[in-house]
C-alpha atoms as a PDB file:
ATOM      1  CA  MET A   1       0.056   0.081   0.147  1.00  0.00           C
ATOM      2  CA  SER A   2       0.987   3.187  -0.705  1.00  0.00           C
ATOM      3  CA  LYS A   3       1.662   6.104   1.686  1.00  0.00           C
ATOM      4  CA  GLN A   4      -0.577   8.222  -0.768  1.00  0.00           C
ATOM      5  CA  THR A   5      -3.608   5.474  -0.204  1.00  0.00           C
ATOM      6  CA  ALA A   6      -2.587   5.148   3.531  1.00  0.00           C
ATOM      7  CA  LEU A   7      -3.223   8.984   4.073  1.00  0.00           C
ATOM      8  CA  THR A   8      -6.198   9.255   2.127  1.00  0.00           C
ATOM      9  CA  LEU A   9      -7.497   6.467   4.708  1.00  0.00           C
ATOM     10  CA  ALA A  10      -6.411   7.691   7.567  1.00  0.00           C
ATOM     11  CA  LEU A  11      -8.156  11.073   6.499  1.00  0.00           C
ATOM     12  CA  ILE A  12     -11.612   9.179   5.864  1.00  0.00           C
ATOM     13  CA  ALA A  13     -11.471   7.359   9.185  1.00  0.00           C
ATOM     14  CA  ILE A  14     -10.872  10.571  10.723  1.00  0.00           C
ATOM     15  CA  VAL A  15     -13.612  12.800   9.108  1.00  0.00           C
ATOM     16  CA  ALA A  16     -16.004   9.492   9.707  1.00  0.00           C
ATOM     17  CA  ALA A  17     -15.151   9.248  13.345  1.00  0.00           C
ATOM     18  CA  LEU A  18     -15.545  13.238  13.733  1.00  0.00           C
ATOM     19  CA  ALA A  19     -18.978  13.159  11.786  1.00  0.00           C
ATOM     20  CA  LEU A  20     -20.251  10.209  14.210  1.00  0.00           C
ATOM     21  CA  TRP A  21     -19.067  12.569  17.289  1.00  0.00           C
ATOM     22  CA  TRP A  22     -20.676  15.487  15.724  1.00  0.00           C
ATOM     23  CA  GLY A  23     -24.023  13.708  15.338  1.00  0.00           C
ATOM     24  CA  LEU A  24     -23.970  12.139  18.713  1.00  0.00           C
ATOM     25  CA  ARG A  25     -22.871  15.039  20.513  1.00  0.00           C
ATOM     26  CA  PRO A  26     -25.561  17.442  21.847  1.00  0.00           C
ATOM     27  CA  SER A  27     -26.072  20.472  20.140  1.00  0.00           C
ATOM     28  CA  GLY A  28     -26.396  24.034  21.570  1.00  0.00           C
ATOM     29  CA  LEU A  29     -24.929  23.143  24.858  1.00  0.00           C
ATOM     30  CA  PRO A  30     -25.552  26.337  27.275  1.00  0.00           C
ATOM     31  CA  ALA A  31     -22.377  28.032  28.613  1.00  0.00           C
ATOM     32  CA  ASP A  32     -23.211  26.847  32.471  1.00  0.00           C
ATOM     33  CA  ILE A  33     -22.912  22.929  31.248  1.00  0.00           C
ATOM     34  CA  VAL A  34     -18.935  21.360  30.362  1.00  0.00           C
ATOM     35  CA  THR A  35     -18.410  17.764  29.368  1.00  0.00           C
ATOM     36  CA  GLY A  36     -15.754  15.385  30.104  1.00  0.00           C
ATOM     37  CA  ASN A  37     -15.258  11.923  28.323  1.00  0.00           C
ATOM     38  CA  GLY A  38     -14.580   9.005  30.608  1.00  0.00           C
ATOM     39  CA  ARG A  39     -15.223   5.589  30.725  1.00  0.00           C
ATOM     40  CA  ILE A  40     -18.094   3.617  33.259  1.00  0.00           C
ATOM     41  CA  GLU A  41     -15.819   1.832  36.081  1.00  0.00           C
ATOM     42  CA  ALA A  42     -16.979  -0.117  39.148  1.00  0.00           C
ATOM     43  CA  THR A  43     -15.425  -1.331  42.201  1.00  0.00           C
ATOM     44  CA  GLU A  44     -13.442  -4.152  41.546  1.00  0.00           C
ATOM     45  CA  ILE A  45     -13.104  -7.350  44.469  1.00  0.00           C
ATOM     46  CA  ASN A  46     -10.639  -9.557  43.562  1.00  0.00           C
ATOM     47  CA  ILE A  47     -11.669 -13.130  45.310  1.00  0.00           C
ATOM     48  CA  ALA A  48      -8.351 -15.071  46.448  1.00  0.00           C
ATOM     49  CA  THR A  49      -7.292 -17.652  48.711  1.00  0.00           C
ATOM     50  CA  LYS A  50      -6.433 -17.081  52.407  1.00  0.00           C
ATOM     51  CA  ILE A  51      -3.944 -20.324  52.757  1.00  0.00           C
ATOM     52  CA  PRO A  52      -2.020 -21.966  50.200  1.00  0.00           C
ATOM     53  CA  GLY A  53      -4.160 -24.660  48.211  1.00  0.00           C
ATOM     54  CA  ARG A  54      -5.630 -26.537  45.580  1.00  0.00           C
ATOM     55  CA  ILE A  55      -8.433 -25.556  44.000  1.00  0.00           C
ATOM     56  CA  VAL A  56     -10.858 -28.089  43.922  1.00  0.00           C
ATOM     57  CA  ASP A  57     -13.927 -26.749  42.074  1.00  0.00           C
ATOM     58  CA  ILE A  58     -15.172 -23.390  40.615  1.00  0.00           C
ATOM     59  CA  ALA A  59     -18.635 -22.739  40.459  1.00  0.00           C
ATOM     60  CA  ALA A  60     -18.982 -19.218  38.639  1.00  0.00           C
ATOM     61  CA  LYS A  61     -18.000 -18.242  35.461  1.00  0.00           C
ATOM     62  CA  GLU A  62     -17.523 -14.832  33.730  1.00  0.00           C
ATOM     63  CA  GLY A  63     -20.558 -13.059  33.473  1.00  0.00           C
ATOM     64  CA  ASP A  64     -22.283 -14.493  36.379  1.00  0.00           C
ATOM     65  CA  PHE A  65     -24.506 -12.429  38.559  1.00  0.00           C
ATOM     66  CA  VAL A  66     -23.580 -13.789  41.807  1.00  0.00           C
ATOM     67  CA  LYS A  67     -25.249 -13.146  45.315  1.00  0.00           C
ATOM     68  CA  ALA A  68     -23.328 -12.282  48.620  1.00  0.00           C
ATOM     69  CA  GLY A  69     -22.888 -15.249  50.236  1.00  0.00           C
ATOM     70  CA  THR A  70     -22.616 -17.463  47.328  1.00  0.00           C
ATOM     71  CA  VAL A  71     -19.944 -20.111  46.858  1.00  0.00           C
ATOM     72  CA  LEU A  72     -17.930 -19.107  43.812  1.00  0.00           C
ATOM     73  CA  ALA A  73     -14.842 -21.923  44.672  1.00  0.00           C
ATOM     74  CA  ARG A  74     -14.139 -24.620  47.200  1.00  0.00           C
ATOM     75  CA  MET A  75     -10.477 -25.195  48.114  1.00  0.00           C
ATOM     76  CA  ASP A  76      -9.152 -28.877  49.006  1.00  0.00           C
ATOM     77  CA  THR A  77      -9.217 -29.104  53.000  1.00  0.00           C
ATOM     78  CA  GLN A  78      -8.217 -32.695  53.253  1.00  0.00           C
ATOM     79  CA  VAL A  79      -5.351 -31.488  54.977  1.00  0.00           C
ATOM     80  CA  LEU A  80      -7.099 -28.812  57.202  1.00  0.00           C
ATOM     81  CA  GLN A  81      -9.680 -31.636  58.310  1.00  0.00           C
ATOM     82  CA  ALA A  82      -6.750 -34.121  59.829  1.00  0.00           C
ATOM     83  CA  GLN A  83      -5.126 -31.521  61.382  1.00  0.00           C
ATOM     84  CA  GLN A  84      -8.475 -30.368  62.618  1.00  0.00           C
ATOM     85  CA  ALA A  85      -8.505 -34.191  63.681  1.00  0.00           C
ATOM     86  CA  GLU A  86      -5.766 -34.684  65.231  1.00  0.00           C
ATOM     87  CA  ALA A  87      -6.253 -31.461  67.227  1.00  0.00           C
ATOM     88  CA  ALA A  88      -9.473 -32.702  68.561  1.00  0.00           C
ATOM     89  CA  ALA A  89      -8.014 -35.696  69.785  1.00  0.00           C
ATOM     90  CA  LYS A  90      -5.519 -33.492  71.601  1.00  0.00           C
ATOM     91  CA  VAL A  91      -8.432 -32.346  73.394  1.00  0.00           C
ATOM     92  CA  ARG A  92      -9.712 -35.167  74.661  1.00  0.00           C
ATOM     93  CA  GLU A  93      -6.380 -36.079  75.645  1.00  0.00           C
ATOM     94  CA  ALA A  94      -5.811 -32.390  77.295  1.00  0.00           C
ATOM     95  CA  GLU A  95      -9.326 -32.841  78.851  1.00  0.00           C
ATOM     96  CA  ASN A  96      -8.125 -36.181  80.665  1.00  0.00           C
ATOM     97  CA  ALA A  97      -5.175 -35.173  81.795  1.00  0.00           C
ATOM     98  CA  TYR A  98      -7.402 -32.400  83.839  1.00  0.00           C
ATOM     99  CA  GLN A  99      -9.251 -34.762  85.113  1.00  0.00           C
ATOM    100  CA  THR A 100      -6.325 -36.903  86.279  1.00  0.00           C
ATOM    101  CA  ALA A 101      -4.624 -33.783  87.493  1.00  0.00           C
ATOM    102  CA  LYS A 102      -7.744 -32.762  89.804  1.00  0.00           C
ATOM    103  CA  SER A 103      -7.735 -36.405  91.316  1.00  0.00           C
ATOM    104  CA  ILE A 104      -4.253 -35.922  92.167  1.00  0.00           C
ATOM    105  CA  VAL A 105      -5.270 -32.682  94.197  1.00  0.00           C
ATOM    106  CA  VAL A 106      -7.603 -34.638  96.210  1.00  0.00           C
ATOM    107  CA  GLN A 107      -5.146 -37.219  96.874  1.00  0.00           C
ATOM    108  CA  ARG A 108      -2.794 -34.831  98.086  1.00  0.00           C
ATOM    109  CA  GLU A 109      -5.044 -33.048 100.153  1.00  0.00           C
ATOM    110  CA  SER A 110      -6.549 -35.982 102.183  1.00  0.00           C
ATOM    111  CA  GLU A 111      -2.362 -36.619 102.424  1.00  0.00           C
ATOM    112  CA  TYR A 112      -2.178 -33.870 104.055  1.00  0.00           C
ATOM    113  CA  ALA A 113      -5.124 -34.067 106.014  1.00  0.00           C
ATOM    114  CA  ALA A 114      -2.900 -37.484 107.235  1.00  0.00           C
ATOM    115  CA  ALA A 115      -0.142 -35.679 107.757  1.00  0.00           C
ATOM    116  CA  GLN A 116      -1.873 -33.284 110.048  1.00  0.00           C
ATOM    117  CA  ALA A 117      -3.157 -36.270 112.084  1.00  0.00           C
ATOM    118  CA  VAL A 118      -0.388 -38.210 112.124  1.00  0.00           C
ATOM    119  CA  VAL A 119       1.184 -34.131 113.756  1.00  0.00           C
ATOM    120  CA  ALA A 120      -1.328 -33.946 116.246  1.00  0.00           C
ATOM    121  CA  GLN A 121      -0.776 -37.601 117.422  1.00  0.00           C
ATOM    122  CA  ARG A 122       2.371 -37.250 117.592  1.00  0.00           C
ATOM    123  CA  ARG A 123       2.133 -34.188 120.189  1.00  0.00           C
ATOM    124  CA  ALA A 124      -0.286 -36.528 122.051  1.00  0.00           C
ATOM    125  CA  GLU A 125       2.162 -38.958 122.601  1.00  0.00           C
ATOM    126  CA  PHE A 126       4.716 -36.108 122.822  1.00  0.00           C
ATOM    127  CA  ASP A 127       2.515 -34.915 125.686  1.00  0.00           C
ATOM    128  CA  ALA A 128       1.941 -37.887 127.510  1.00  0.00           C
ATOM    129  CA  ALA A 129       5.773 -38.940 127.259  1.00  0.00           C
ATOM    130  CA  GLU A 130       6.633 -35.524 129.172  1.00  0.00           C
ATOM    131  CA  LYS A 131       4.436 -36.132 131.841  1.00  0.00           C
ATOM    132  CA  ARG A 132       5.845 -39.893 132.458  1.00  0.00           C
ATOM    133  CA  LEU A 133       9.048 -38.030 132.524  1.00  0.00           C
ATOM    134  CA  HIS A 134       8.524 -35.262 135.291  1.00  0.00           C
ATOM    135  CA  ARG A 135       6.790 -37.814 137.748  1.00  0.00           C
ATOM    136  CA  SER A 136       9.535 -40.358 137.007  1.00  0.00           C
ATOM    137  CA  GLN A 137      12.035 -37.697 137.789  1.00  0.00           C
ATOM    138  CA  ARG A 138       9.686 -36.544 140.927  1.00  0.00           C
ATOM    139  CA  LEU A 139      10.166 -40.245 142.095  1.00  0.00           C
ATOM    140  CA  VAL A 140      13.298 -40.465 141.440  1.00  0.00           C
ATOM    141  CA  GLY A 141      14.154 -37.905 144.248  1.00  0.00           C
ATOM    142  CA  GLU A 142      11.949 -39.816 146.781  1.00  0.00           C
ATOM    143  CA  GLY A 143      13.351 -43.063 146.039  1.00  0.00           C
ATOM    144  CA  ALA A 144      10.573 -44.251 144.623  1.00  0.00           C
ATOM    145  CA  THR A 145      11.558 -45.031 140.836  1.00  0.00           C
ATOM    146  CA  PRO A 146      14.885 -46.182 139.173  1.00  0.00           C
ATOM    147  CA  GLN A 147      16.881 -43.758 137.856  1.00  0.00           C
ATOM    148  CA  GLN A 148      17.272 -46.026 134.622  1.00  0.00           C
ATOM    149  CA  GLU A 149      13.453 -44.852 134.424  1.00  0.00           C
ATOM    150  CA  VAL A 150      14.072 -42.043 134.205  1.00  0.00           C
ATOM    151  CA  ASP A 151      16.734 -41.742 131.675  1.00  0.00           C
ATOM    152  CA  ASP A 152      14.320 -44.154 129.677  1.00  0.00           C
ATOM    153  CA  ASN A 153      11.616 -41.666 129.473  1.00  0.00           C
ATOM    154  CA  ASN A 154      13.698 -38.402 128.896  1.00  0.00           C
ATOM    155  CA  ALA A 155      14.907 -40.534 125.583  1.00  0.00           C
ATOM    156  CA  ARG A 156      11.092 -41.584 124.893  1.00  0.00           C
ATOM    157  CA  VAL A 157      10.823 -37.621 125.036  1.00  0.00           C
ATOM    158  CA  LEU A 158      13.432 -36.800 122.927  1.00  0.00           C
ATOM    159  CA  GLY A 159      11.901 -39.218 120.672  1.00  0.00           C
ATOM    160  CA  MET A 160       8.765 -38.302 120.093  1.00  0.00           C
ATOM    161  CA  ARG A 161       9.842 -34.430 119.526  1.00  0.00           C
ATOM    162  CA  ALA A 162      12.010 -35.593 116.614  1.00  0.00           C
ATOM    163  CA  ALA A 163       8.499 -37.280 115.200  1.00  0.00           C
ATOM    164  CA  ILE A 164       6.740 -34.320 115.913  1.00  0.00           C
ATOM    165  CA  ASN A 165       9.255 -32.960 113.393  1.00  0.00           C
ATOM    166  CA  THR A 166       8.813 -35.155 111.004  1.00  0.00           C
ATOM    167  CA  ALA A 167       5.286 -35.363 110.677  1.00  0.00           C
ATOM    168  CA  LEU A 168       5.700 -31.646 110.227  1.00  0.00           C
ATOM    169  CA  ALA A 169       7.906 -32.101 107.517  1.00  0.00           C
ATOM    170  CA  GLN A 170       5.215 -34.515 105.935  1.00  0.00           C
ATOM    171  CA  VAL A 171       2.483 -31.679 106.296  1.00  0.00           C
ATOM    172  CA  GLU A 172       5.087 -29.478 104.201  1.00  0.00           C
ATOM    173  CA  ALA A 173       5.679 -31.734 101.792  1.00  0.00           C
ATOM    174  CA  ALA A 174       1.923 -32.531 101.366  1.00  0.00           C
ATOM    175  CA  ARG A 175       1.132 -28.676 101.080  1.00  0.00           C
ATOM    176  CA  ALA A 176       3.840 -28.829  98.220  1.00  0.00           C
ATOM    177  CA  GLY A 177       2.638 -31.853  96.940  1.00  0.00           C
ATOM    178  CA  ILE A 178      -1.192 -30.243  96.700  1.00  0.00           C
ATOM    179  CA  ASP A 179       0.381 -27.255  95.117  1.00  0.00           C
ATOM    180  CA  ALA A 180       1.942 -28.638  92.457  1.00  0.00           C
ATOM    181  CA  ALA A 181      -1.256 -30.815  91.739  1.00  0.00           C
ATOM    182  CA  LYS A 182      -2.882 -27.656  91.250  1.00  0.00           C
ATOM    183  CA  SER A 183      -0.456 -26.165  88.979  1.00  0.00           C
ATOM    184  CA  GLN A 184      -0.777 -29.270  87.038  1.00  0.00           C
ATOM    185  CA  VAL A 185      -5.161 -28.406  87.162  1.00  0.00           C
ATOM    186  CA  VAL A 186      -4.051 -25.124  85.737  1.00  0.00           C
ATOM    187  CA  GLN A 187      -1.768 -26.462  83.383  1.00  0.00           C
ATOM    188  CA  ALA A 188      -3.992 -28.597  81.844  1.00  0.00           C
ATOM    189  CA  GLN A 189      -6.985 -26.207  81.112  1.00  0.00           C
ATOM    190  CA  SER A 190      -4.234 -24.240  79.476  1.00  0.00           C
ATOM    191  CA  MET A 191      -3.464 -26.920  77.361  1.00  0.00           C
ATOM    192  CA  ILE A 192      -7.727 -27.611  76.318  1.00  0.00           C
ATOM    193  CA  GLU A 193      -8.086 -23.944  75.950  1.00  0.00           C
ATOM    194  CA  ALA A 194      -5.464 -24.269  73.763  1.00  0.00           C
ATOM    195  CA  VAL A 195      -6.287 -27.209  71.565  1.00  0.00           C
ATOM    196  CA  LYS A 196      -9.571 -26.115  71.546  1.00  0.00           C
ATOM    197  CA  ALA A 197      -8.602 -22.397  69.718  1.00  0.00           C
ATOM    198  CA  THR A 198      -6.512 -24.532  67.450  1.00  0.00           C
ATOM    199  CA  VAL A 199      -9.777 -26.375  66.938  1.00  0.00           C
ATOM    200  CA  VAL A 200     -11.395 -23.495  66.018  1.00  0.00           C
ATOM    201  CA  ARG A 201      -8.363 -22.113  63.648  1.00  0.00           C
ATOM    202  CA  LEU A 202      -8.669 -24.948  61.924  1.00  0.00           C
ATOM    203  CA  GLN A 203     -12.241 -24.819  61.411  1.00  0.00           C
ATOM    204  CA  ALA A 204     -12.067 -21.237  60.327  1.00  0.00           C
ATOM    205  CA  ASP A 205      -9.536 -22.143  57.710  1.00  0.00           C
ATOM    206  CA  ILE A 206     -11.713 -24.743  56.309  1.00  0.00           C
ATOM    207  CA  ASN A 207     -14.802 -22.269  55.988  1.00  0.00           C
ATOM    208  CA  ASP A 208     -12.543 -20.029  54.355  1.00  0.00           C
ATOM    209  CA  SER A 209     -11.533 -22.848  51.658  1.00  0.00           C
ATOM    210  CA  GLU A 210     -15.180 -22.044  50.248  1.00  0.00           C
ATOM    211  CA  LEU A 211     -14.743 -18.586  48.965  1.00  0.00           C
ATOM    212  CA  LYS A 212     -17.856 -16.715  48.974  1.00  0.00           C
ATOM    213  CA  ALA A 213     -18.855 -13.325  47.378  1.00  0.00           C
ATOM    214  CA  PRO A 214     -18.682 -10.932  49.601  1.00  0.00           C
ATOM    215  CA  ILE A 215     -21.481  -8.654  47.808  1.00  0.00           C
ATOM    216  CA  ASP A 216     -23.876  -9.039  45.328  1.00  0.00           C
ATOM    217  CA  GLY A 217     -22.041  -8.755  42.074  1.00  0.00           C
ATOM    218  CA  ARG A 218     -20.838 -10.052  38.290  1.00  0.00           C
ATOM    219  CA  ILE A 219     -17.798 -12.565  38.004  1.00  0.00           C
ATOM    220  CA  GLN A 220     -15.666 -10.154  35.548  1.00  0.00           C
ATOM    221  CA  TYR A 221     -13.030 -12.814  34.978  1.00  0.00           C
ATOM    222  CA  ARG A 222     -11.652 -16.418  35.947  1.00  0.00           C
ATOM    223  CA  VAL A 223      -8.106 -16.046  36.643  1.00  0.00           C
ATOM    224  CA  ALA A 224      -7.287 -19.871  38.040  1.00  0.00           C
ATOM    225  CA  GLU A 225      -8.590 -23.085  36.853  1.00  0.00           C
ATOM    226  CA  PRO A 226      -9.567 -26.206  39.287  1.00  0.00           C
ATOM    227  CA  GLY A 227      -6.562 -27.828  39.668  1.00  0.00           C
ATOM    228  CA  GLU A 228      -4.349 -25.468  40.035  1.00  0.00           C
ATOM    229  CA  VAL A 229      -2.379 -24.857  42.962  1.00  0.00           C
ATOM    230  CA  LEU A 230      -2.389 -21.452  44.682  1.00  0.00           C
ATOM    231  CA  ASP A 231      -0.139 -19.291  47.514  1.00  0.00           C
ATOM    232  CA  ALA A 232      -1.702 -17.680  49.896  1.00  0.00           C
ATOM    233  CA  GLY A 233      -3.876 -14.677  48.837  1.00  0.00           C
ATOM    234  CA  GLY A 234      -3.684 -16.072  44.807  1.00  0.00           C
ATOM    235  CA  ARG A 235      -6.716 -14.777  42.608  1.00  0.00           C
ATOM    236  CA  VAL A 236      -9.055 -16.705  41.290  1.00  0.00           C
ATOM    237  CA  LEU A 237     -11.885 -14.644  39.977  1.00  0.00           C
ATOM    238  CA  ASN A 238     -12.697 -11.067  39.645  1.00  0.00           C
ATOM    239  CA  MET A 239     -16.403  -9.649  40.180  1.00  0.00           C
ATOM    240  CA  VAL A 240     -17.520  -6.375  39.847  1.00  0.00           C
ATOM    241  CA  ASP A 241     -19.350  -4.474  42.718  1.00  0.00           C
ATOM    242  CA  LEU A 242     -22.711  -3.395  40.892  1.00  0.00           C
ATOM    243  CA  SER A 243     -24.134  -0.826  43.424  1.00  0.00           C
ATOM    244  CA  ASP A 244     -20.498   1.293  43.191  1.00  0.00           C
ATOM    245  CA  VAL A 245     -20.558   2.111  39.334  1.00  0.00           C
ATOM    246  CA  TYR A 246     -19.024   5.739  37.864  1.00  0.00           C
ATOM    247  CA  MET A 247     -17.729   7.541  35.336  1.00  0.00           C
ATOM    248  CA  THR A 248     -14.369   8.962  35.806  1.00  0.00           C
ATOM    249  CA  PHE A 249     -13.623  12.185  33.415  1.00  0.00           C
ATOM    250  CA  PHE A 250     -11.441  15.188  33.902  1.00  0.00           C
ATOM    251  CA  LEU A 251     -12.315  18.710  33.579  1.00  0.00           C
ATOM    252  CA  PRO A 252      -9.958  21.897  33.351  1.00  0.00           C
ATOM    253  CA  THR A 253      -9.498  24.177  36.290  1.00  0.00           C
ATOM    254  CA  ALA A 254     -12.428  27.235  35.599  1.00  0.00           C
ATOM    255  CA  ALA A 255     -14.653  24.372  35.146  1.00  0.00           C
ATOM    256  CA  ALA A 256     -13.665  22.214  38.197  1.00  0.00           C
ATOM    257  CA  GLY A 257     -13.474  24.930  40.391  1.00  0.00           C
ATOM    258  CA  LYS A 258     -17.357  25.253  39.995  1.00  0.00           C
ATOM    259  CA  VAL A 259     -18.712  21.279  40.299  1.00  0.00           C
ATOM    260  CA  ALA A 260     -19.774  20.856  43.793  1.00  0.00           C
ATOM    261  CA  LEU A 261     -20.250  17.265  45.451  1.00  0.00           C
ATOM    262  CA  GLY A 262     -23.855  16.467  44.379  1.00  0.00           C
ATOM    263  CA  SER A 263     -24.100  18.243  41.281  1.00  0.00           C
ATOM    264  CA  ASP A 264     -26.209  17.053  38.331  1.00  0.00           C
ATOM    265  CA  ILE A 265     -24.653  15.205  35.795  1.00  0.00           C
ATOM    266  CA  ARG A 266     -25.859  13.401  32.710  1.00  0.00           C
ATOM    267  CA  LEU A 267     -23.875  10.634  30.921  1.00  0.00           C
ATOM    268  CA  VAL A 268     -24.699   9.448  27.126  1.00  0.00           C
ATOM    269  CA  PHE A 269     -22.749   6.303  26.328  1.00  0.00           C
ATOM    270  CA  ASP A 270     -21.456   5.544  23.420  1.00  0.00           C
ATOM    271  CA  ALA A 271     -22.985   2.355  23.220  1.00  0.00           C
ATOM    272  CA  LEU A 272     -26.591   3.731  23.854  1.00  0.00           C
ATOM    273  CA  PRO A 273     -26.538   7.705  22.208  1.00  0.00           C
ATOM    274  CA  GLY A 274     -30.392   7.783  22.220  1.00  0.00           C
ATOM    275  CA  TYR A 275     -30.393   7.346  26.258  1.00  0.00           C
ATOM    276  CA  VAL A 276     -29.358  10.131  29.157  1.00  0.00           C
ATOM    277  CA  ILE A 277     -28.802   8.651  32.683  1.00  0.00           C
ATOM    278  CA  PRO A 278     -28.817  10.618  35.617  1.00  0.00           C
ATOM    279  CA  ALA A 279     -25.873  10.825  38.069  1.00  0.00           C
ATOM    280  CA  LYS A 280     -24.536  12.958  41.247  1.00  0.00           C
ATOM    281  CA  ALA A 281     -20.833  14.500  41.741  1.00  0.00           C
ATOM    282  CA  SER A 282     -19.532  12.135  43.980  1.00  0.00           C
ATOM    283  CA  PHE A 283     -15.687  13.424  43.768  1.00  0.00           C
ATOM    284  CA  VAL A 284     -13.477  16.628  42.754  1.00  0.00           C
ATOM    285  CA  ALA A 285      -9.892  15.940  43.174  1.00  0.00           C
ATOM    286  CA  SER A 286      -8.258  18.736  45.295  1.00  0.00           C
ATOM    287  CA  VAL A 287      -4.987  18.381  43.251  1.00  0.00           C
ATOM    288  CA  ALA A 288      -4.590  18.441  39.192  1.00  0.00           C
ATOM    289  CA  GLN A 289      -4.365  15.196  37.574  1.00  0.00           C
ATOM    290  CA  PHE A 290      -1.487  16.100  34.817  1.00  0.00           C
ATOM    291  CA  THR A 291       0.472  19.570  35.196  1.00  0.00           C
ATOM    292  CA  PRO A 292       2.385  20.750  32.263  1.00  0.00           C
ATOM    293  CA  LYS A 293       6.377  21.692  33.024  1.00  0.00           C
ATOM    294  CA  THR A 294       5.496  25.384  34.069  1.00  0.00           C
ATOM    295  CA  VAL A 295       2.276  26.954  35.438  1.00  0.00           C
ATOM    296  CA  GLU A 296       3.547  30.875  35.702  1.00  0.00           C
ATOM    297  CA  THR A 297       1.423  32.074  33.171  1.00  0.00           C
ATOM    298  CA  GLU A 298      -2.842  32.237  33.478  1.00  0.00           C
ATOM    299  CA  SER A 299      -2.687  30.457  29.730  1.00  0.00           C
ATOM    300  CA  GLU A 300      -1.095  27.820  31.071  1.00  0.00           C
ATOM    301  CA  ARG A 301      -3.122  26.974  34.940  1.00  0.00           C
ATOM    302  CA  LEU A 302      -5.763  26.758  32.301  1.00  0.00           C
ATOM    303  CA  LYS A 303      -4.355  23.702  30.720  1.00  0.00           C
ATOM    304  CA  LEU A 304      -4.518  22.237  34.499  1.00  0.00           C
ATOM    305  CA  MET A 305      -6.941  19.039  34.582  1.00  0.00           C
ATOM    306  CA  PHE A 306      -8.730  17.893  37.760  1.00  0.00           C
ATOM    307  CA  ARG A 307     -10.520  14.369  38.128  1.00  0.00           C
ATOM    308  CA  VAL A 308     -14.188  14.209  38.387  1.00  0.00           C
ATOM    309  CA  ARG A 309     -16.003  11.268  39.475  1.00  0.00           C
ATOM    310  CA  ALA A 310     -19.614  10.845  38.498  1.00  0.00           C
ATOM    311  CA  ARG A 311     -22.096   7.927  40.576  1.00  0.00           C
ATOM    312  CA  ILE A 312     -25.111   6.337  39.322  1.00  0.00           C
ATOM    313  CA  ASP A 313     -27.588   5.645  41.871  1.00  0.00           C
ATOM    314  CA  VAL A 314     -27.764   2.407  43.368  1.00  0.00           C
ATOM    315  CA  GLU A 315     -31.742   2.113  43.090  1.00  0.00           C
ATOM    316  CA  LEU A 316     -31.411   2.614  39.317  1.00  0.00           C
ATOM    317  CA  LEU A 317     -28.725   0.362  38.930  1.00  0.00           C
ATOM    318  CA  LYS A 318     -30.661  -2.326  39.974  1.00  0.00           C
ATOM    319  CA  GLN A 319     -33.478  -1.430  37.586  1.00  0.00           C
ATOM    320  CA  HIS A 320     -31.308  -1.975  35.119  1.00  0.00           C
ATOM    321  CA  ILE A 321     -28.959  -4.335  36.562  1.00  0.00           C
ATOM    322  CA  ASN A 322     -28.373  -6.707  33.447  1.00  0.00           C
ATOM    323  CA  GLN A 323     -27.572  -3.609  31.205  1.00  0.00           C
ATOM    324  CA  VAL A 324     -24.824  -2.404  33.315  1.00  0.00           C
ATOM    325  CA  LYS A 325     -21.529  -3.169  31.939  1.00  0.00           C
ATOM    326  CA  THR A 326     -17.648  -1.252  33.065  1.00  0.00           C
ATOM    327  CA  GLY A 327     -15.406  -0.170  30.492  1.00  0.00           C
ATOM    328  CA  VAL A 328     -18.284   1.545  28.176  1.00  0.00           C
ATOM    329  CA  PRO A 329     -16.751   5.036  27.105  1.00  0.00           C
ATOM    330  CA  GLY A 330     -18.826   8.006  26.887  1.00  0.00           C
ATOM    331  CA  VAL A 331     -19.710  11.758  27.198  1.00  0.00           C
ATOM    332  CA  ALA A 332     -20.226  13.528  31.036  1.00  0.00           C
ATOM    333  CA  TYR A 333     -22.047  16.613  30.677  1.00  0.00           C
ATOM    334  CA  VAL A 334     -21.912  18.286  34.000  1.00  0.00           C
ATOM    335  CA  LYS A 335     -24.441  21.567  35.331  1.00  0.00           C
ATOM    336  CA  ILE A 336     -22.273  24.226  36.930  1.00  0.00           C
ATOM    337  CA  ASP A 337     -24.938  26.248  37.827  1.00  0.00           C
ATOM    338  CA  SER A 338     -27.463  24.504  40.037  1.00  0.00           C
ATOM    339  CA  ALA A 339     -30.200  27.059  39.054  1.00  0.00           C
ATOM    340  CA  ALA A 340     -29.890  26.000  35.519  1.00  0.00           C
ATOM    341  CA  ALA A 341     -32.234  24.521  33.471  1.00  0.00           C
ATOM    342  CA  TRP A 342     -31.236  21.414  31.653  1.00  0.00           C
ATOM    343  CA  PRO A 343     -31.800  21.399  27.753  1.00  0.00           C
ATOM    344  CA  ALA A 344     -34.354  19.192  25.972  1.00  0.00           C
ATOM    345  CA  ASN A 345     -31.549  16.980  24.807  1.00  0.00           C
ATOM    346  CA  LEU A 346     -30.223  15.912  27.998  1.00  0.00           C
ATOM    347  CA  GLU A 347     -33.383  15.252  29.545  1.00  0.00           C
ATOM    348  CA  ILE A 348     -33.375  12.038  31.800  1.00  0.00           C
ATOM    349  CA  LYS A 349     -34.196   9.170  29.219  1.00  0.00           C
ATOM    350  CA  LEU A 350     -33.347   5.509  30.689  1.00  0.00           C
ATOM    351  CA  PRO A 351     -33.636   2.303  28.613  1.00  0.00           C
ATOM    352  CA  GLN A 352     -37.177   0.172  28.671  1.00  0.00           C
END
C-alpha cells in the first residue's frame, strides 16, 4: 500500500469519527454546562485464597450475577480436616489429663490431712511422754523409782519431739504436693483451651476454603482453574460491585472549580447514544491530575485538569442491572449552575 493511499484512508477514518461525534453530541449546550470524556467503572473485588492450597471446583463463570454469600469456588481441605481431627484428639487427651490432675489434687489433700493427723498424734504422745518423765523425775528423788526409768522416759520424750518434727515435715511436703497438683490442673486447663483454639482456627480455615461472594455483583474474570495450586492470596476470580458504578472524567481548572459535590450530571454512552443517564458528582480532585512543566502564566494554569467522578444512583442500577457494563466510554455533562435548566436533548431518558 502506497503512502498516499494510507494517508487517504487515515483522513477518511478521521472524518468519519468526527462525523459520528458530531452526530451524537448534544447541540447548543448552554455556557453553564461543561463536558468531559470518560469510561464506566466499578469497584473491583478479587476473590482470593486465604491459605495455600489446590482448587477443587469453581462454580462461577464469567458474566454470572452472584448474591452475597454464594459459594464461588472450593479449595482442597483434606489436610485441614486431618489436622482438625488430630487437634480434636488432643482436646480429649488434655481433658483426660485435667481430670487426672484434679484427682491428684484430691489425693494430695487427703495426704495433707493425714499428715496433720499424725502431727496431732505425735504431739499427744509427746505430751504423755513428757508427763511420764516429770513423774519419774519426782519419784526418783524420793527413791521410789530407779534412775534408769528416768533415763528411758527422757529418751522417749526426745524421740517424740523428733517424731513431731518429722510429721511437720510431712505436712509441708503434702502442702507442696497440693500446690504442684493444682498447677498441673491449671496447666491442663490451659492445654485444653490452646488445643480448642487450634480446632476453632482450623475450622475457620476450612470455612474460608469455600470462597464466597462478599457482596452482590457480577463475575468479571476467571483467573485460575480447578486443579491449580495457589499461594496464600492467590486470585481465583475477579468480580465487580454493581452497586458502586461511576464514570471518571477530567475537567479544566475553570470548570472543575465550579463543580460541587452532589452536582447534577448527565451521562451519554457511546454504545447507547439515545439514552441520557442521571448521576451525581461524588468526587472532585483537590490536586491537578496532570500538569504542564510550568504554570507561571494564566494560559498555562488553564491547562490543569482535575479528576471528577460521577456516581450512578444505586436504585437505578438495580433496575437495569443486566445492562450495566464496565469499560463503556461516554461523555459526562455537568451543570455547574444549579439554577440552570437542562436542555431538552439532555433530559433523562432511560432504557426500558
